């Protein structure tokens, strides 16, 4: 028990240190008003687009690595990365890079949890999710795939819970890779839509212009439909 407490303290302090250093270096270059301004987005759009066009392969690799780091060790979730990926790369390349990066990062989180946090996770969550154990034993990959598709659990925790069922790393990776494609594609499409709106407007557009733009309302509508579908499916998947 004492070792567990020390491990939790070490992980927590390490995480706070890494995030603190990142925020310090980021905000030493930019302040909040700059980051949230329309001019910042518009001006940096040109920068990122030119950078991407100059060497799309290199920029894709850099973004992939940063996405992996965002998930592990920063324990970030997918939506911000998906929006930025769509903004920079567009729908198709953005989806490919973000899905791959999130899947690799999530797999690192799973491996880390399997080695260092397994007992803690079992103690906290085994009773709550014990009904899933039989399902995973029946067909590990298929149920992992469904588990990733329906979601309903915070991203970081969803990467750790499969440690309860001793799933294979390769099954975890490919189930994550395939299972998160629908929601990531929709989020990336929204980011791509914002990029097009900024391209077409030198000044801040009206909120109605943004909402009723096909590049925005179509993926947002599809995203809400997707959420409703997954909520319906969760009732069956997580039921005993």
Protein backbone atom coordinates (compact mmCIF):
# COMPACT_ATOMS: atom_id res chain seq x y z
CA UNK A 1 0.00 0.00 0.00
CA UNK A 2 2.86 2.36 0.86
CA UNK A 3 4.53 1.65 -2.50
CA UNK A 4 1.23 2.35 -4.28
CA UNK A 5 0.90 5.73 -2.58
CA UNK A 6 4.47 6.65 -3.48
CA UNK A 7 3.90 5.61 -7.10
CA UNK A 8 0.71 7.66 -7.34
CA UNK A 9 2.52 10.67 -5.80
CA UNK A 10 5.44 10.29 -8.23
CA UNK A 11 3.16 10.02 -11.26
CA UNK A 12 1.09 12.99 -10.15
CA UNK A 13 4.13 15.21 -9.51
CA UNK A 14 5.79 14.16 -12.78
CA UNK A 15 2.63 14.95 -14.72
CA UNK A 16 2.26 18.37 -13.05
CA UNK A 17 5.93 19.13 -13.75
CA UNK A 18 5.67 18.24 -17.46
CA UNK A 19 2.42 20.15 -17.95
CA UNK A 20 3.78 23.11 -15.95
CA UNK A 21 6.93 23.31 -18.09
CA UNK A 22 4.87 23.11 -21.27
CA UNK A 23 2.52 25.90 -20.16
CA UNK A 24 5.45 28.05 -19.03
CA UNK A 25 7.28 27.84 -22.36
CA UNK A 26 4.05 28.25 -24.34
CA UNK A 27 2.83 31.35 -22.50
CA UNK A 28 6.30 32.85 -22.48
CA UNK A 29 5.80 33.14 -26.24
CA UNK A 30 2.07 33.95 -26.33
CA UNK A 31 -0.46 35.41 -23.93
CA UNK A 32 -4.09 34.32 -23.57
CA UNK A 33 -5.51 37.32 -25.42
CA UNK A 34 -3.28 36.58 -28.41
CA UNK A 35 -4.12 32.87 -28.54
CA UNK A 36 -7.87 33.49 -28.38
CA UNK A 37 -7.97 36.36 -30.89
CA UNK A 38 -9.24 35.98 -34.44
CA UNK A 39 -6.12 37.72 -35.78
CA UNK A 40 -3.92 35.09 -34.12
CA UNK A 41 -5.86 32.29 -35.80
CA UNK A 42 -5.92 34.06 -39.18
CA UNK A 43 -2.21 34.97 -39.17
CA UNK A 44 -1.05 31.57 -37.95
CA UNK A 45 -3.29 29.87 -40.48
CA UNK A 46 -1.11 31.32 -43.25
CA UNK A 47 2.00 30.22 -41.37
CA UNK A 48 0.85 26.63 -40.89
CA UNK A 49 -0.52 26.29 -44.41
CA UNK A 50 2.75 27.53 -45.92
CA UNK A 51 4.73 25.29 -43.59
CA UNK A 52 2.57 22.30 -44.55
CA UNK A 53 2.87 23.02 -48.27
CA UNK A 54 6.65 23.34 -48.04
CA UNK A 55 7.11 19.83 -46.59
CA UNK A 56 3.87 18.04 -45.77
CA UNK A 57 5.60 14.76 -44.87
CA UNK A 58 7.90 16.34 -42.27
CA UNK A 59 5.10 18.44 -40.76
CA UNK A 60 2.85 15.38 -40.61
CA UNK A 61 5.56 13.43 -38.73
CA UNK A 62 6.10 16.32 -36.30
CA UNK A 63 2.36 16.63 -35.67
CA UNK A 64 2.12 12.85 -35.23
CA UNK A 65 4.87 12.91 -32.58
CA UNK A 66 3.26 15.87 -30.79
CA UNK A 67 -0.09 14.06 -30.81
CA UNK A 68 1.50 10.99 -29.24
CA UNK A 69 3.10 13.19 -26.56
CA UNK A 70 -0.23 14.95 -26.01
CA UNK A 71 -1.77 11.60 -25.07
CA UNK A 72 1.28 10.18 -23.29
CA UNK A 73 2.63 11.58 -21.03
CA UNK A 74 0.39 14.71 -21.07
CA UNK A 75 -2.80 12.54 -20.84
CA UNK A 76 -4.64 14.88 -23.19
CA UNK A 77 -7.84 13.88 -24.97
CA UNK A 78 -8.64 13.75 -28.66
CA UNK A 79 -10.93 16.69 -29.49
CA UNK A 80 -8.38 19.58 -29.40
CA UNK A 81 -5.87 17.61 -31.46
CA UNK A 82 -8.56 16.62 -33.97
CA UNK A 83 -9.69 20.24 -34.43
CA UNK A 84 -6.10 21.45 -34.89
CA UNK A 85 -5.33 18.55 -37.23
CA UNK A 86 -8.33 19.40 -39.39
CA UNK A 87 -7.40 23.09 -39.34
CA UNK A 88 -3.86 22.39 -40.59
CA UNK A 89 -4.17 19.29 -42.78
CA UNK A 90 -7.81 19.14 -43.89
CA UNK A 91 -10.22 16.26 -43.44
CA UNK A 92 -8.41 13.29 -44.93
CA UNK A 93 -4.75 13.75 -44.00
CA UNK A 94 -5.83 15.27 -40.68
CA UNK A 95 -7.91 12.20 -39.83
CA UNK A 96 -5.07 9.84 -40.76
CA UNK A 97 -2.44 11.65 -38.67
CA UNK A 98 -4.67 12.30 -35.65
CA UNK A 99 -6.11 8.77 -35.50
CA UNK A 100 -2.63 7.22 -35.78
CA UNK A 101 -1.16 9.57 -33.17
CA UNK A 102 -4.01 9.07 -30.69
CA UNK A 103 -3.86 5.29 -31.15
CA UNK A 104 -0.12 5.10 -30.52
CA UNK A 105 -0.37 7.44 -27.54
CA UNK A 106 -3.32 5.48 -26.10
CA UNK A 107 -1.35 2.24 -26.49
CA UNK A 108 1.54 3.74 -24.52
CA UNK A 109 -0.93 4.76 -21.79
CA UNK A 110 -2.31 1.20 -21.76
CA UNK A 111 1.17 -0.37 -21.54
CA UNK A 112 2.15 2.02 -18.76
CA UNK A 113 -1.07 1.29 -16.87
CA UNK A 114 -0.62 -2.45 -17.32
CA UNK A 115 2.80 -2.35 -15.71
CA UNK A 116 2.40 0.30 -13.02
CA UNK A 117 -1.29 0.98 -12.29
CA UNK A 118 -2.99 -2.39 -12.71
CA UNK A 119 -3.64 -3.03 -9.01
CA UNK A 120 -4.94 0.50 -8.46
CA UNK A 121 -7.31 0.19 -11.43
CA UNK A 122 -8.57 -3.22 -10.29
CA UNK A 123 -9.20 -1.88 -6.80
CA UNK A 124 -11.15 1.14 -8.06
CA UNK A 125 -13.04 -0.14 -11.11
CA UNK A 126 -13.22 -3.96 -11.23
CA UNK A 127 -16.60 -4.22 -9.49
CA UNK A 128 -18.11 -1.50 -11.67
CA UNK A 129 -16.98 -3.01 -14.98
CA UNK A 130 -16.84 -6.69 -14.09
CA UNK A 131 -19.75 -7.39 -16.45
CA UNK A 132 -17.46 -6.57 -19.37
CA UNK A 133 -14.99 -9.31 -18.46
CA UNK A 134 -17.12 -12.09 -19.99
CA UNK A 135 -17.64 -10.06 -23.15
CA UNK A 136 -13.93 -9.46 -23.61
CA UNK A 137 -13.18 -13.16 -23.05
CA UNK A 138 -15.68 -14.12 -25.78
CA UNK A 139 -14.02 -12.02 -28.47
CA UNK A 140 -11.33 -9.66 -27.26
CA UNK A 141 -10.79 -7.66 -30.45
CA UNK A 142 -14.47 -7.30 -31.40
CA UNK A 143 -15.50 -6.07 -27.96
CA UNK A 144 -12.50 -3.77 -27.77
CA UNK A 145 -13.59 -2.34 -31.10
CA UNK A 146 -17.16 -1.80 -29.85
CA UNK A 147 -15.78 -0.40 -26.58
CA UNK A 148 -13.79 2.21 -28.50
CA UNK A 149 -16.65 3.03 -30.85
CA UNK A 150 -19.36 3.60 -28.22
CA UNK A 151 -17.08 5.52 -25.83
CA UNK A 152 -18.90 7.07 -22.87
CA UNK A 153 -15.80 6.95 -20.64
CA UNK A 154 -13.20 9.74 -20.29
CA UNK A 155 -10.39 9.20 -22.78
CA UNK A 156 -7.60 8.68 -20.24
CA UNK A 157 -9.63 6.18 -18.21
CA UNK A 158 -10.77 4.36 -21.36
CA UNK A 159 -7.11 3.69 -22.16
CA UNK A 160 -6.53 2.17 -18.72
CA UNK A 161 -9.66 0.10 -18.10
CA UNK A 162 -8.69 -2.69 -20.55
CA UNK A 163 -5.88 -3.55 -18.12
CA UNK A 164 -8.68 -5.19 -16.09
CA UNK A 165 -9.13 -7.77 -18.85
CA UNK A 166 -5.47 -8.38 -19.82
CA UNK A 167 -6.10 -7.58 -23.48
CA UNK A 168 -3.27 -7.97 -25.95
CA UNK A 169 -1.38 -4.81 -26.87
CA UNK A 170 -1.80 -5.42 -30.60
CA UNK A 171 -5.58 -5.86 -30.20
CA UNK A 172 -5.77 -2.70 -28.12
CA UNK A 173 -3.88 -0.70 -30.76
CA UNK A 174 -5.85 -1.83 -33.80
CA UNK A 175 -9.22 -1.69 -32.02
CA UNK A 176 -8.43 1.88 -31.00
CA UNK A 177 -7.17 2.74 -34.48
CA UNK A 178 -10.39 1.56 -36.15
CA UNK A 179 -12.87 2.34 -33.38
CA UNK A 180 -12.09 6.06 -33.01
CA UNK A 181 -12.17 6.86 -36.74
CA UNK A 182 -15.84 8.02 -36.91
CA UNK A 183 -15.71 10.58 -34.08
CA UNK A 184 -12.22 11.80 -34.99
CA UNK A 185 -13.21 12.26 -38.64
CA UNK A 186 -16.18 14.40 -37.61
CA UNK A 187 -14.08 16.50 -35.22
CA UNK A 188 -11.36 16.92 -37.86
CA UNK A 189 -14.03 17.98 -40.37
CA UNK A 190 -15.16 20.73 -37.99
CA UNK A 191 -11.57 21.97 -37.67
CA UNK A 192 -11.21 21.92 -41.45
CA UNK A 193 -14.45 23.88 -41.73
CA UNK A 194 -13.13 26.60 -39.41
CA UNK A 195 -10.01 26.87 -41.53
CA UNK A 196 -12.11 27.48 -44.63
CA UNK A 197 -14.19 30.12 -42.85
CA UNK A 198 -11.05 31.98 -41.76
CA UNK A 199 -9.70 31.72 -45.31
CA UNK A 200 -12.87 33.37 -46.67
CA UNK A 201 -13.14 36.11 -44.00
CA UNK A 202 -10.45 38.68 -43.23
CA UNK A 203 -12.55 39.95 -40.30
CA UNK A 204 -14.40 38.09 -37.59
CA UNK A 205 -17.52 36.55 -39.23
CA UNK A 206 -20.96 36.69 -37.63
CA UNK A 207 -21.86 33.71 -35.48
CA UNK A 208 -24.75 32.92 -37.86
CA UNK A 209 -22.32 32.82 -40.79
CA UNK A 210 -20.27 30.26 -38.93
CA UNK A 211 -23.19 28.12 -37.77
CA UNK A 212 -24.92 28.03 -41.14
CA UNK A 213 -21.78 27.31 -43.13
CA UNK A 214 -22.08 23.81 -44.67
CA UNK A 215 -18.48 23.09 -43.62
CA UNK A 216 -19.56 23.56 -39.99
CA UNK A 217 -23.20 22.59 -39.55
CA UNK A 218 -22.98 19.34 -41.55
CA UNK A 219 -20.17 17.75 -39.44
CA UNK A 220 -21.65 19.18 -36.21
CA UNK A 221 -25.05 17.70 -37.04
CA UNK A 222 -23.43 14.38 -37.92
CA UNK A 223 -21.45 14.54 -34.68
CA UNK A 224 -24.61 14.96 -32.58
CA UNK A 225 -26.29 12.10 -34.45
CA UNK A 226 -23.21 9.98 -33.77
CA UNK A 227 -23.40 10.84 -30.05
CA UNK A 228 -27.08 9.82 -29.92
CA UNK A 229 -26.28 6.51 -31.63
CA UNK A 230 -23.43 5.75 -29.22
CA UNK A 231 -25.61 6.63 -26.20
CA UNK A 232 -28.16 4.11 -27.43
CA UNK A 233 -25.49 1.45 -28.00
CA UNK A 234 -23.89 2.02 -24.57
CA UNK A 235 -27.05 0.80 -22.85
CA UNK A 236 -26.56 -2.60 -24.46
CA UNK A 237 -22.77 -2.76 -24.26
CA UNK A 238 -22.41 -1.78 -20.59
CA UNK A 239 -25.53 -3.65 -19.46
CA UNK A 240 -25.06 -6.80 -17.41
